Protein backbone atom coordinates (compact mmCIF):
# COMPACT_ATOMS: atom_id res chain seq x y z
CA UNK A 1 -139.20 183.02 36.04
CA UNK A 2 -142.33 184.94 34.92
CA UNK A 3 -143.00 186.16 31.41
CA UNK A 4 -144.77 189.37 30.91
CA UNK A 5 -147.26 189.72 28.12
CA UNK A 6 -145.14 192.09 26.44
CA UNK A 7 -142.26 189.67 26.36
CA UNK A 8 -144.30 187.05 24.93
CA UNK A 9 -145.81 189.34 22.10
CA UNK A 10 -142.09 190.16 21.30
CA UNK A 11 -141.11 186.73 21.16
CA UNK A 12 -144.03 185.60 18.88
CA UNK A 13 -143.32 188.49 16.47
CA UNK A 14 -139.63 187.75 16.41
CA UNK A 15 -140.66 184.11 15.73
CA UNK A 16 -143.01 184.84 12.72
CA UNK A 17 -140.59 187.36 11.32
CA UNK A 18 -137.78 184.56 11.40
CA UNK A 19 -140.22 182.19 9.79
CA UNK A 20 -141.51 184.55 7.08
CA UNK A 21 -137.69 185.41 6.33
CA UNK A 22 -136.83 181.50 6.19
CA UNK A 23 -139.86 180.96 3.62
CA UNK A 24 -138.66 183.82 1.62
CA UNK A 25 -135.00 182.78 1.70
CA UNK A 26 -136.02 179.05 0.63
CA UNK A 27 -138.09 180.57 -2.33
CA UNK A 28 -135.03 182.69 -3.49
CA UNK A 29 -132.59 179.64 -2.85
CA UNK A 30 -134.90 177.49 -4.73
CA UNK A 31 -134.75 179.40 -7.87
CA UNK A 32 -133.44 178.73 -10.44
CA UNK A 33 -133.08 174.94 -10.29
CA UNK A 34 -133.33 174.12 -14.15
CA UNK A 35 -132.59 175.93 -17.44
CA UNK A 36 -134.12 179.19 -18.13
CA UNK A 37 -135.76 179.82 -21.52
CA UNK A 38 -135.00 183.38 -23.21
CA UNK A 39 -137.46 183.84 -26.12
CA UNK A 40 -136.03 186.08 -28.80
CA UNK A 41 -138.65 187.40 -31.24
CA UNK A 42 -136.11 187.35 -34.14
CA UNK A 43 -134.28 184.59 -36.23
CA UNK A 44 -130.85 183.64 -35.19
CA UNK A 45 -127.74 185.78 -36.26
CA UNK A 46 -129.26 189.27 -35.67
CA UNK A 47 -128.60 191.97 -33.11
CA UNK A 48 -131.56 190.55 -30.77
CA UNK A 49 -130.34 186.92 -31.02
CA UNK A 50 -126.60 187.88 -30.59
CA UNK A 51 -127.27 190.12 -27.57
CA UNK A 52 -129.57 187.67 -25.87
CA UNK A 53 -126.79 185.06 -26.11
CA UNK A 54 -124.04 187.47 -24.66
CA UNK A 55 -126.28 188.44 -21.76
CA UNK A 56 -127.73 184.87 -21.41
CA UNK A 57 -124.20 183.24 -20.97
CA UNK A 58 -123.25 185.83 -18.33
CA UNK A 59 -126.61 185.56 -16.47
CA UNK A 60 -126.24 181.75 -16.65
CA UNK A 61 -122.86 181.94 -14.78
CA UNK A 62 -124.36 184.44 -12.20
CA UNK A 63 -127.37 182.30 -11.42
CA UNK A 64 -125.80 178.88 -11.82
CA UNK A 65 -128.11 177.55 -14.55
CA UNK A 66 -128.12 177.83 -18.25
CA UNK A 67 -130.13 180.40 -20.12
CA UNK A 68 -131.32 178.81 -23.43
CA UNK A 69 -132.11 181.46 -26.19
CA UNK A 70 -135.03 180.21 -28.10
CA UNK A 71 -135.86 182.01 -31.41
CA UNK A 72 -139.41 182.60 -32.04
CA UNK A 73 -139.57 185.08 -34.98
CA UNK A 74 -142.47 186.44 -36.92
CA UNK A 75 -145.52 188.51 -36.83
CA UNK A 76 -143.69 191.47 -35.78
CA UNK A 77 -142.77 189.90 -32.52
CA UNK A 78 -146.04 189.00 -31.47
CA UNK A 79 -145.39 185.30 -31.66
CA UNK A 80 -142.73 185.53 -29.00
CA UNK A 81 -144.63 188.00 -26.93
CA UNK A 82 -147.70 185.74 -26.80
CA UNK A 83 -145.59 182.50 -26.00
CA UNK A 84 -144.30 184.22 -23.04
CA UNK A 85 -147.70 185.81 -21.92
CA UNK A 86 -148.96 182.25 -21.74
CA UNK A 87 -146.13 180.82 -20.18
CA UNK A 88 -146.04 179.55 -16.38
CA UNK A 89 -145.03 182.58 -14.18
CA UNK A 90 -142.41 180.55 -12.46
CA UNK A 91 -139.26 182.53 -13.72
CA UNK A 92 -138.21 179.72 -16.26
CA UNK A 93 -139.63 181.48 -19.28
CA UNK A 94 -138.59 185.20 -20.00
CA UNK A 95 -139.05 187.43 -23.13
CA UNK A 96 -136.31 189.32 -24.71
CA UNK A 97 -138.60 192.14 -25.69
CA UNK A 98 -137.80 194.30 -28.84
CA UNK A 99 -139.13 197.92 -29.94
CA UNK A 100 -142.22 196.57 -31.81
CA UNK A 101 -143.55 195.37 -28.50
CA UNK A 102 -144.71 199.13 -27.88
CA UNK A 103 -146.15 199.69 -31.38
CA UNK A 104 -148.11 196.35 -31.78
CA UNK A 105 -151.54 197.56 -30.41
CA UNK A 106 -151.50 200.66 -32.72
CA UNK A 107 -150.67 198.68 -35.71
CA UNK A 108 -152.77 195.58 -35.34
CA UNK A 109 -155.45 196.71 -32.85
CA UNK A 110 -156.79 193.94 -30.53
CA UNK A 111 -154.00 191.25 -29.75
CA UNK A 112 -154.25 187.84 -28.55
CA UNK A 113 -152.46 188.99 -25.25
CA UNK A 114 -152.62 192.15 -23.30
CA UNK A 115 -149.23 194.04 -23.39
CA UNK A 116 -149.97 196.19 -20.43
CA UNK A 117 -151.40 193.22 -18.30
CA UNK A 118 -149.94 189.74 -19.35
CA UNK A 119 -146.27 190.58 -19.17
CA UNK A 120 -144.37 192.74 -16.58
CA UNK A 121 -140.92 194.53 -16.99
CA UNK A 122 -138.00 192.90 -15.62
CA UNK A 123 -135.05 195.05 -16.75
CA UNK A 124 -133.95 197.44 -19.69
CA UNK A 125 -131.13 195.82 -21.42
CA UNK A 126 -129.86 197.33 -24.78
CA UNK A 127 -130.29 200.23 -27.00
CA UNK A 128 -129.36 200.46 -30.76
CA UNK A 129 -129.40 204.04 -31.91
CA UNK A 130 -130.48 204.92 -35.37
CA UNK A 131 -128.01 206.86 -37.50
CA UNK A 132 -128.79 209.01 -40.57
CA UNK A 133 -126.92 207.65 -43.43
CA UNK A 134 -126.53 208.91 -47.07
CA UNK A 135 -124.61 208.15 -50.20
CA UNK A 136 -121.13 209.63 -49.86
CA UNK A 137 -121.29 211.19 -53.32
CA UNK A 138 -124.69 212.86 -52.76
CA UNK A 139 -124.75 216.67 -52.95
CA UNK A 140 -125.01 217.26 -49.27
CA UNK A 141 -122.80 216.75 -46.48
CA UNK A 142 -124.63 218.12 -43.30
CA UNK A 143 -128.24 217.81 -41.95
CA UNK A 144 -128.99 221.34 -42.92
CA UNK A 145 -128.04 220.79 -46.55
CA UNK A 146 -129.79 217.43 -46.69
CA UNK A 147 -133.16 218.96 -45.51
CA UNK A 148 -132.88 221.93 -47.85
CA UNK A 149 -132.24 219.43 -50.75
CA UNK A 150 -135.38 217.51 -49.71
CA UNK A 151 -137.33 220.81 -49.64
CA UNK A 152 -136.12 221.77 -53.10
CA UNK A 153 -137.48 218.46 -54.65
CA UNK A 154 -141.24 218.32 -55.48
CA UNK A 155 -141.33 214.77 -54.69
CA UNK A 156 -139.29 215.27 -51.38
CA UNK A 157 -136.94 212.85 -49.72
CA UNK A 158 -136.95 209.10 -50.22
CA UNK A 159 -135.85 206.77 -47.39
CA UNK A 160 -135.12 203.13 -47.37
CA UNK A 161 -136.11 200.93 -44.53
CA UNK A 162 -136.02 197.23 -43.75
CA UNK A 163 -139.79 196.57 -43.38
CA UNK A 164 -143.06 198.42 -42.85
CA UNK A 165 -143.64 200.09 -39.35
CA UNK A 166 -140.08 199.06 -38.45
CA UNK A 167 -138.11 201.37 -36.21
CA UNK A 168 -136.23 202.89 -39.26
CA UNK A 169 -139.75 203.59 -40.92
CA UNK A 170 -141.37 205.22 -37.97
CA UNK A 171 -138.26 207.32 -37.24
CA UNK A 172 -138.18 208.59 -40.95
CA UNK A 173 -141.77 209.77 -40.73
CA UNK A 174 -140.91 211.53 -37.61
CA UNK A 175 -137.94 213.23 -39.45
CA UNK A 176 -140.37 214.28 -42.39
CA UNK A 177 -142.70 215.75 -39.83
CA UNK A 178 -140.09 217.56 -37.70
CA UNK A 179 -138.26 218.73 -40.98
CA UNK A 180 -141.53 219.87 -42.65
CA UNK A 181 -140.57 218.09 -45.64
CA UNK A 182 -142.36 215.67 -48.15
CA UNK A 183 -141.08 212.23 -47.78
CA UNK A 184 -141.64 208.46 -49.00
CA UNK A 185 -140.43 205.33 -47.41
CA UNK A 186 -139.40 202.59 -49.73
CA UNK A 187 -139.49 199.22 -47.95
CA UNK A 188 -136.76 196.34 -48.41
CA UNK A 189 -136.22 193.04 -47.39
CA UNK A 190 -133.44 193.88 -44.63
CA UNK A 191 -130.72 196.62 -44.31
CA UNK A 192 -128.65 195.14 -47.09
CA UNK A 193 -130.99 195.86 -49.86
CA UNK A 194 -131.49 199.28 -48.57
CA UNK A 195 -127.63 199.88 -48.63
CA UNK A 196 -127.51 198.66 -52.13
CA UNK A 197 -130.17 200.96 -53.19
CA UNK A 198 -128.92 203.96 -51.33
CA UNK A 199 -125.20 203.14 -52.87
CA UNK A 200 -126.84 203.17 -56.27
CA UNK A 201 -128.48 206.44 -55.75
CA UNK A 202 -132.00 205.31 -56.09
CA UNK A 203 -132.97 206.47 -52.46
CA UNK A 204 -131.83 209.47 -50.73
CA UNK A 205 -131.07 208.11 -47.15
CA UNK A 206 -131.67 205.44 -44.46
CA UNK A 207 -132.11 205.54 -40.61
CA UNK A 208 -130.15 202.46 -39.60
CA UNK A 209 -128.47 200.60 -36.75
CA UNK A 210 -124.92 201.22 -37.88
CA UNK A 211 -123.08 198.15 -37.45
CA UNK A 212 -124.08 196.60 -40.63
CA UNK A 213 -123.42 199.84 -42.52
CA UNK A 214 -119.82 200.34 -41.08
CA UNK A 215 -118.04 198.44 -43.99
CA UNK A 216 -119.80 200.82 -46.58
CA UNK A 217 -119.01 203.82 -44.33
CA UNK A 218 -115.36 202.92 -44.19
CA UNK A 219 -114.94 202.12 -47.66
CA UNK A 220 -116.16 205.67 -48.37
CA UNK A 221 -119.36 204.66 -50.36
CA UNK A 222 -121.73 206.06 -47.27
CA UNK A 223 -121.67 208.96 -45.18
CA UNK A 224 -123.06 209.33 -41.60
CA UNK A 225 -124.83 212.84 -40.94
CA UNK A 226 -126.07 212.32 -37.63
CA UNK A 227 -127.52 209.93 -35.01
CA UNK A 228 -131.13 209.86 -33.65
CA UNK A 229 -130.06 209.88 -29.94
CA UNK A 230 -130.30 212.17 -27.00
CA UNK A 231 -126.49 212.26 -26.71
CA UNK A 232 -123.54 211.20 -29.05
CA UNK A 233 -123.36 207.40 -29.08
CA UNK A 234 -120.22 205.49 -28.27
CA UNK A 235 -120.87 203.25 -31.33
CA UNK A 236 -119.99 206.02 -33.68
CA UNK A 237 -119.06 209.18 -31.38
CA UNK A 238 -118.28 211.46 -34.36
CA UNK A 239 -121.97 211.60 -35.24
CA UNK A 240 -123.84 214.75 -33.72
CA UNK A 241 -127.44 214.03 -32.30
CA UNK A 242 -129.97 215.08 -34.93
CA UNK A 243 -131.78 217.01 -32.12
CA UNK A 244 -128.90 219.27 -32.07
CA UNK A 245 -129.04 219.79 -35.88
CA UNK A 246 -132.50 221.33 -36.32
CA UNK A 247 -134.57 218.13 -35.57
CA UNK A 248 -135.20 218.47 -31.76
CA UNK A 249 -137.78 215.61 -31.83
CA UNK A 250 -136.00 212.89 -33.96
CA UNK A 251 -134.88 210.56 -31.25
CA UNK A 252 -135.29 206.94 -32.06
CA UNK A 253 -133.70 203.56 -31.38
CA UNK A 254 -134.08 199.91 -31.48
CA UNK A 255 -133.96 198.38 -27.96
CA UNK A 256 -134.42 195.24 -26.11
CA UNK A 257 -135.34 194.27 -22.34
CA UNK A 258 -136.43 191.48 -20.16
CA UNK A 259 -140.06 190.82 -19.45
CA UNK A 260 -141.87 187.99 -17.71
CA UNK A 261 -145.35 186.61 -17.20
CA UNK A 262 -147.41 189.12 -15.20
CA UNK A 263 -147.64 186.85 -12.26
CA UNK A 264 -144.11 186.01 -11.96
CA UNK A 265 -143.11 186.46 -8.07
CA UNK A 266 -141.47 189.66 -7.19
CA UNK A 267 -138.57 187.81 -5.36
CA UNK A 268 -137.62 186.20 -8.79
CA UNK A 269 -138.18 189.57 -10.75
CA UNK A 270 -135.95 191.26 -8.22
CA UNK A 271 -133.24 188.78 -8.54
CA UNK A 272 -133.36 189.03 -12.39
CA UNK A 273 -133.43 192.67 -12.21
CA UNK A 274 -130.22 192.97 -10.09
CA UNK A 275 -128.24 190.36 -12.09
CA UNK A 276 -129.13 191.75 -15.34
CA UNK A 277 -128.04 195.37 -14.25
CA UNK A 278 -124.87 193.94 -12.86
CA UNK A 279 -123.99 192.24 -16.05
CA UNK A 280 -124.54 195.22 -18.37
CA UNK A 281 -122.41 197.21 -16.04
CA UNK A 282 -119.55 194.77 -16.71
CA UNK A 283 -117.12 196.53 -19.04
CA UNK A 284 -116.50 193.11 -20.85
CA UNK A 285 -120.15 192.74 -21.70
CA UNK A 286 -120.29 196.57 -22.71
CA UNK A 287 -117.47 196.01 -24.97
CA UNK A 288 -118.99 192.83 -26.56
CA UNK A 289 -122.43 194.59 -27.18
CA UNK A 290 -120.39 197.69 -28.47
CA UNK A 291 -118.72 195.49 -31.21
CA UNK A 292 -122.11 194.45 -32.32
CA UNK A 293 -123.23 198.09 -32.72
CA UNK A 294 -125.18 197.96 -29.50
CA UNK A 295 -125.25 200.21 -26.02
CA UNK A 296 -125.48 198.54 -22.85
CA UNK A 297 -128.35 200.29 -21.40
CA UNK A 298 -129.13 199.15 -17.65
CA UNK A 299 -132.37 199.99 -16.05
CA UNK A 300 -134.61 198.96 -13.44
CA UNK A 301 -138.03 197.24 -13.80
CA UNK A 302 -139.87 200.71 -13.08
CA UNK A 303 -137.58 202.63 -15.44
CA UNK A 304 -138.21 199.95 -18.05
CA UNK A 305 -141.96 200.42 -17.59
CA UNK A 306 -141.99 204.23 -17.84
CA UNK A 307 -139.71 204.00 -21.10
CA UNK A 308 -142.08 201.54 -22.63
CA UNK A 309 -145.04 203.65 -21.83
CA UNK A 310 -143.39 206.58 -23.41
CA UNK A 311 -142.56 204.59 -26.50
CA UNK A 312 -146.05 203.39 -26.88
CA UNK A 313 -147.49 206.92 -26.62
CA UNK A 314 -144.98 208.33 -28.94
CA UNK A 315 -144.98 205.94 -31.78
CA UNK A 316 -148.57 205.12 -31.72
CA UNK A 317 -149.20 209.06 -32.40
CA UNK A 318 -146.70 208.60 -35.28
CA UNK A 319 -148.34 205.74 -36.64
CA UNK A 320 -151.79 207.44 -36.57
CA UNK A 321 -150.58 210.78 -38.13
CA UNK A 322 -148.76 209.01 -40.86
CA UNK A 323 -151.63 206.58 -41.41
CA UNK A 324 -149.38 203.33 -41.32
CA UNK A 325 -151.17 200.26 -41.68
CA UNK A 326 -150.09 196.71 -40.76
CA UNK A 327 -149.08 194.41 -43.63
């Protein structure tokens, strides 16, 4: 039986293809073989830590290996970011990135890692929309009357925020500019102190992730005027978006997503991207996140990359315009 040149080439091509498939399949099958560290940039007990553990537990079940949440708080999330940027790109160390990732360069200048080059997006995960909350006894019950009140005062509006350059701080600066009012941000150590001052009438408002404010809202001490999101939020659906109430540019939220060292193989990133999306679309996971005042927000690596680029440009401009300095 004679073998033509064409037949021989086809056979060789098929053999090479099968070998390549076998190698790729072997790489996929080999990962993961041990626990995966998920680095959270905040201390235990907060929204970042809790949502990381909710998702880590589900992903561990999907991939057959434990996800160990490791808290590396401090320096505006830069400690955690750098730890993952310097980690081996083998899929066993991931970053649960948070909103300050997008503002670090604008605030601190040159960093010990390059946010654009040293880490790669894996998947978007969670959103925490900010709600405009005021004292329930204040003389305004709508965004329109709240802004009119601010314009009537020589000193303008005072907002409580949990830390300088936090998302609530930046969102308030955006609101001042969009509304054309004078404003002052007063910084406290966390949301609880901001609520205390708000209830006491010493500040006019705060922009906050609503979960920790709900007891005060339900008791009738605080009132929600709106939400800084594109659409109403399932977390508190009765709040209308601020962009529909005369503040078209005030869209702001906390957020979390998965990132990996830049050289992590695409096969691993693709597997994680798919599993994270699957977990976030699970109604049970979405409900657990909602109970924490968070929205499941599945998104691909490319979508996450575009989102972060947009966030970086938007908030960097706000930081420059408001002359916000790192502390």
